[in-house]
Amino acid sequence: WVSTYSASNQVTDSGAAATAFASGVKTINQVIGVDTRGRGLRSLSELAKSKGWKVRYVTNTTITHATPAAFYAGVGDRYEDVDRIAQQLIEHRPDVALGGGELDFLPDWLAGKQRGNLNLLDQARAEGFTVWTDVTEIAPSPRQPLLGLFTNSHLHYELDRQALPPGERPPTLEQMTGIALEALSRDGKPFFLMVEGGRIDHAAHGFDAAGTALETAGFDRAAAVVRGFQEAHPATLLVITADHATGG
């Protein structure tokens, strides 16, 4: 059995919902990775890392968005603390993180934030990350950790992506999932991989039927990639869920 309300509202938001299934604790809407008193929580991926597992995140939203962030960050406001979430991703050092949100890692894009002129992409490179931002490049060599940020904000809706010239299209959720799994299969170590088709939620918020349908189909293709991996590696546990449903 599962209940979907948050600690502050009958209708959860992504921050509280993702925190609940990342850490097993109900919390209030808009927070990430902390309980109702603001105390940090230990997530499933942090537990996995402590056991020597690989940890990877794939999303077609910004990599700092609520659902992936709940697995590696702890902040009091998912909207106001985006700069801290980006910083915590670097500190968390996932093996692979692929998605959108390059602006979240660049200096001074949020006026008044404490990060000032700190360029988190430069920091990531200095700490050994391979930073992949050019969609015209093929996936970098298996050198890890790998941070791939393919748009300034969320990746394009699939409906809009299809209208872009082929050379300007960021990778799809299906392609990013394949990249993450292909790299994981090389060393044979156990892993935790979180894949989010987050633009389904965005389209549903706007009651965009065509967008919702195409985004769901794109998620289905990504899920098929994981199913294929699972068939070749039967010890793999696959869980498919939503953090919350919107738009009816």
Protein backbone atom coordinates (compact mmCIF):
# COMPACT_ATOMS: atom_id res chain seq x y z
CA TRP A 1 0.00 0.00 0.00
CA VAL A 2 1.15 3.56 -0.67
CA SER A 3 -0.23 6.94 0.33
CA THR A 4 0.59 9.90 -1.87
CA TYR A 5 -0.19 12.92 0.31
CA SER A 6 2.77 14.92 1.64
CA ALA A 7 3.28 16.02 5.25
CA SER A 8 1.86 19.46 4.40
CA ASN A 9 -0.79 18.87 1.76
CA GLN A 10 -3.29 16.30 0.52
CA VAL A 11 -1.70 16.80 -2.92
CA THR A 12 2.05 16.20 -2.94
CA ASP A 13 4.53 18.01 -5.14
CA SER A 14 7.53 16.39 -6.80
CA GLY A 15 9.95 17.47 -4.07
CA ALA A 16 8.05 15.82 -1.23
CA ALA A 17 7.09 12.81 -3.32
CA ALA A 18 10.59 12.12 -4.62
CA THR A 19 12.03 12.60 -1.14
CA ALA A 20 9.52 10.07 0.16
CA PHE A 21 10.58 7.31 -2.18
CA ALA A 22 14.26 8.28 -2.15
CA SER A 23 14.50 8.33 1.66
CA GLY A 24 11.36 6.67 3.02
CA VAL A 25 10.19 9.78 4.89
CA LYS A 26 7.18 12.01 4.22
CA THR A 27 8.04 15.69 4.15
CA ILE A 28 6.52 19.03 3.20
CA ASN A 29 5.97 20.31 -0.33
CA GLN A 30 8.84 22.13 -2.07
CA VAL A 31 11.66 20.72 0.07
CA ILE A 32 14.28 18.27 -1.21
CA GLY A 33 15.93 15.56 0.85
CA VAL A 34 15.08 16.96 4.30
CA ASP A 35 12.36 16.10 6.81
CA THR A 36 9.67 18.37 8.21
CA ARG A 37 12.20 19.90 10.64
CA GLY A 38 14.79 20.54 7.95
CA ARG A 39 17.05 17.69 8.98
CA GLY A 40 18.94 15.95 6.19
CA LEU A 41 17.84 12.48 5.11
CA ARG A 42 19.91 9.62 3.74
CA SER A 43 18.74 8.59 0.29
CA LEU A 44 18.73 5.23 -1.41
CA SER A 45 21.51 6.32 -3.77
CA GLU A 46 23.67 7.58 -0.90
CA LEU A 47 23.26 4.20 0.78
CA ALA A 48 24.18 2.51 -2.50
CA LYS A 49 27.33 4.64 -2.83
CA SER A 50 28.35 3.74 0.72
CA LYS A 51 28.21 0.07 -0.32
CA GLY A 52 30.44 0.70 -3.34
CA TRP A 53 27.66 0.72 -5.93
CA LYS A 54 27.70 2.92 -9.03
CA VAL A 55 25.10 5.72 -9.04
CA ARG A 56 23.66 7.35 -12.15
CA TYR A 57 20.88 9.79 -13.00
CA VAL A 58 19.11 10.40 -16.30
CA THR A 59 16.32 12.90 -16.88
CA ASN A 60 14.87 15.04 -19.64
CA THR A 61 14.24 17.85 -17.16
CA THR A 62 17.06 19.84 -15.57
CA ILE A 63 19.37 17.54 -13.63
CA THR A 64 18.68 19.80 -10.61
CA HIS A 65 14.92 19.26 -10.84
CA ALA A 66 13.01 17.83 -7.89
CA THR A 67 12.94 14.15 -8.76
CA PRO A 68 16.64 13.54 -9.45
CA ALA A 69 17.69 16.08 -6.79
CA ALA A 70 15.90 14.17 -4.03
CA PHE A 71 18.44 11.37 -4.44
CA TYR A 72 21.54 13.52 -3.95
CA ALA A 73 20.62 16.90 -2.38
CA GLY A 74 19.09 18.40 0.72
CA VAL A 75 17.59 21.92 0.59
CA GLY A 76 14.69 23.80 2.11
CA ASP A 77 13.26 25.14 -1.15
CA ARG A 78 13.54 23.40 -4.51
CA TYR A 79 12.95 26.69 -6.37
CA GLU A 80 15.09 29.11 -4.37
CA ASP A 81 18.03 26.78 -3.73
CA VAL A 82 18.80 25.57 -7.25
CA ASP A 83 22.39 26.81 -6.97
CA ARG A 84 22.91 24.73 -3.82
CA ILE A 85 21.38 21.68 -5.51
CA ALA A 86 23.85 22.03 -8.40
CA GLN A 87 26.73 22.36 -5.94
CA GLN A 88 25.58 19.28 -4.06
CA LEU A 89 25.42 17.26 -7.28
CA ILE A 90 29.13 17.93 -7.86
CA GLU A 91 29.89 17.01 -4.25
CA HIS A 92 27.81 13.83 -4.54
CA ARG A 93 29.94 12.70 -7.53
CA PRO A 94 27.55 10.44 -9.40
CA ASP A 95 29.23 8.26 -12.00
CA VAL A 96 26.92 9.62 -14.69
CA ALA A 97 24.37 12.47 -14.64
CA LEU A 98 22.61 13.31 -17.92
CA GLY A 99 19.88 15.86 -18.55
CA GLY A 100 19.26 19.57 -18.99
CA GLY A 101 20.01 22.63 -16.90
CA GLU A 102 23.42 23.95 -17.95
CA LEU A 103 22.49 27.43 -16.68
CA ASP A 104 22.12 26.05 -13.18
CA PHE A 105 25.89 25.47 -13.10
CA LEU A 106 27.00 28.82 -14.52
CA PRO A 107 27.79 31.94 -12.44
CA ASP A 108 25.33 34.61 -11.46
CA TRP A 109 22.35 33.37 -13.41
CA LEU A 110 20.24 33.66 -10.27
CA ALA A 111 20.53 37.24 -9.04
CA GLY A 112 21.50 37.54 -5.41
CA LYS A 113 22.57 33.96 -4.97
CA GLN A 114 25.60 33.19 -2.86
CA ARG A 115 27.45 31.36 -5.59
CA GLY A 116 28.54 34.67 -7.13
CA ASN A 117 31.03 34.11 -9.93
CA LEU A 118 31.67 30.44 -9.22
CA ASN A 119 31.44 28.37 -12.39
CA LEU A 120 30.38 24.91 -11.28
CA LEU A 121 31.24 23.41 -14.66
CA ASP A 122 34.83 24.56 -14.21
CA GLN A 123 34.76 23.14 -10.69
CA ALA A 124 33.41 19.85 -12.01
CA ARG A 125 36.20 19.63 -14.59
CA ALA A 126 38.81 20.44 -11.93
CA GLU A 127 37.44 17.60 -9.81
CA GLY A 128 37.74 15.09 -12.63
CA PHE A 129 34.33 15.21 -14.29
CA THR A 130 33.99 14.86 -18.02
CA VAL A 131 31.55 17.67 -18.91
CA TRP A 132 29.53 17.02 -22.07
CA THR A 133 27.44 19.95 -23.34
CA ASP A 134 27.83 19.80 -27.14
CA VAL A 135 24.97 17.79 -28.65
CA THR A 136 26.88 17.46 -31.92
CA GLU A 137 29.51 15.32 -30.17
CA ILE A 138 29.11 11.60 -29.70
CA ALA A 139 29.07 10.34 -26.14
CA PRO A 140 32.47 10.81 -24.51
CA SER A 141 34.73 7.88 -23.74
CA PRO A 142 33.93 5.88 -20.61
CA ARG A 143 36.00 8.21 -18.44
CA GLN A 144 33.87 8.95 -15.40
CA PRO A 145 32.31 10.77 -13.65
CA LEU A 146 30.35 12.16 -16.61
CA LEU A 147 28.11 15.24 -16.41
CA GLY A 148 26.03 15.79 -19.54
CA LEU A 149 23.96 19.00 -19.78
CA PHE A 150 22.38 19.41 -23.19
CA THR A 151 20.17 22.50 -22.87
CA ASN A 152 20.05 25.62 -20.70
CA SER A 153 16.85 24.43 -19.03
CA HIS A 154 14.66 21.36 -19.56
CA LEU A 155 15.19 19.28 -22.66
CA HIS A 156 12.73 19.96 -25.48
CA TYR A 157 9.35 18.31 -25.56
CA GLU A 158 9.55 15.42 -28.01
CA LEU A 159 7.02 17.21 -30.21
CA ASP A 160 9.36 20.23 -30.42
CA ARG A 161 12.51 18.14 -30.63
CA GLN A 162 11.31 16.56 -33.85
CA ALA A 163 11.10 20.03 -35.43
CA LEU A 164 14.78 20.78 -34.74
CA PRO A 165 17.46 20.18 -37.41
CA PRO A 166 18.98 16.73 -36.78
CA GLY A 167 22.34 18.20 -35.76
CA GLU A 168 20.75 20.34 -33.06
CA ARG A 169 18.68 17.69 -31.32
CA PRO A 170 19.74 16.76 -27.81
CA PRO A 171 19.73 13.05 -27.00
CA THR A 172 16.39 11.47 -26.19
CA LEU A 173 15.56 9.86 -22.86
CA GLU A 174 15.94 6.51 -24.60
CA GLN A 175 19.42 7.39 -25.86
CA MET A 176 20.59 8.76 -22.52
CA THR A 177 19.33 5.64 -20.77
CA GLY A 178 21.26 3.49 -23.22
CA ILE A 179 24.44 5.51 -22.62
CA ALA A 180 24.09 5.12 -18.85
CA LEU A 181 23.44 1.38 -19.04
CA GLU A 182 26.18 0.73 -21.57
CA ALA A 183 28.73 2.38 -19.31
CA LEU A 184 27.39 0.51 -16.31
CA SER A 185 27.69 -2.88 -17.94
CA ARG A 186 31.44 -2.51 -18.51
CA ASP A 187 32.68 -3.07 -14.98
CA GLY A 188 30.04 -5.48 -13.71
CA LYS A 189 29.60 -3.63 -10.41
CA PRO A 190 26.15 -3.27 -8.82
CA PHE A 191 24.46 0.03 -9.55
CA PHE A 192 21.55 2.33 -8.84
CA LEU A 193 20.12 4.17 -11.87
CA MET A 194 17.30 6.71 -11.69
CA VAL A 195 15.64 7.54 -15.03
CA GLU A 196 12.99 10.27 -15.14
CA GLY A 197 10.64 11.11 -17.98
CA GLY A 198 9.84 14.40 -16.31
CA ARG A 199 8.37 16.22 -19.26
CA ILE A 200 5.30 13.97 -19.05
CA ASP A 201 4.51 15.86 -15.85
CA HIS A 202 5.08 19.24 -17.48
CA ALA A 203 2.79 18.45 -20.39
CA ALA A 204 0.13 17.10 -18.03
CA HIS A 205 0.29 20.26 -15.91
CA GLY A 206 -0.61 22.20 -19.05
CA PHE A 207 -3.33 19.74 -20.11
CA ASP A 208 -1.34 19.25 -23.33
CA ALA A 209 -2.71 15.96 -24.65
CA ALA A 210 -0.39 15.67 -27.65
CA GLY A 211 2.66 16.52 -25.56
CA THR A 212 1.67 14.09 -22.81
CA ALA A 213 1.15 11.26 -25.30
CA LEU A 214 4.48 11.74 -27.07
CA GLU A 215 6.40 12.15 -23.80
CA THR A 216 4.81 8.98 -22.43
CA ALA A 217 5.74 7.11 -25.61
CA GLY A 218 9.31 8.37 -25.22
CA PHE A 219 9.39 7.13 -21.64
CA ASP A 220 8.08 3.77 -22.82
CA ARG A 221 11.00 3.48 -25.25
CA ALA A 222 13.44 4.28 -22.43
CA ALA A 223 11.77 1.65 -20.25
CA ALA A 224 12.17 -0.87 -23.07
CA VAL A 225 15.93 -0.22 -23.06
CA VAL A 226 16.02 -1.04 -19.35
CA ARG A 227 13.88 -4.14 -19.89
CA GLY A 228 16.35 -5.31 -22.50
CA PHE A 229 19.19 -4.81 -20.02
CA GLN A 230 17.22 -6.66 -17.37
CA GLU A 231 16.65 -9.63 -19.66
CA ALA A 232 20.41 -9.86 -20.22
CA HIS A 233 21.11 -9.32 -16.49
CA PRO A 234 18.28 -11.11 -14.64
CA ALA A 235 19.45 -9.98 -11.18
CA THR A 236 18.43 -6.41 -12.08
CA LEU A 237 15.42 -5.03 -10.19
CA LEU A 238 13.31 -2.64 -12.26
CA VAL A 239 10.77 -0.35 -10.57
CA ILE A 240 8.53 1.90 -12.67
CA THR A 241 6.45 4.53 -10.90
CA ALA A 242 5.35 8.17 -10.95
CA ASP A 243 6.30 10.63 -8.26
CA HIS A 244 2.84 12.13 -8.67
CA ALA A 245 0.19 12.44 -11.36
CA THR A 246 -0.99 15.82 -12.67
CA GLY A 247 -3.63 17.07 -15.02
CA GLY A 248 -6.07 14.24 -14.33
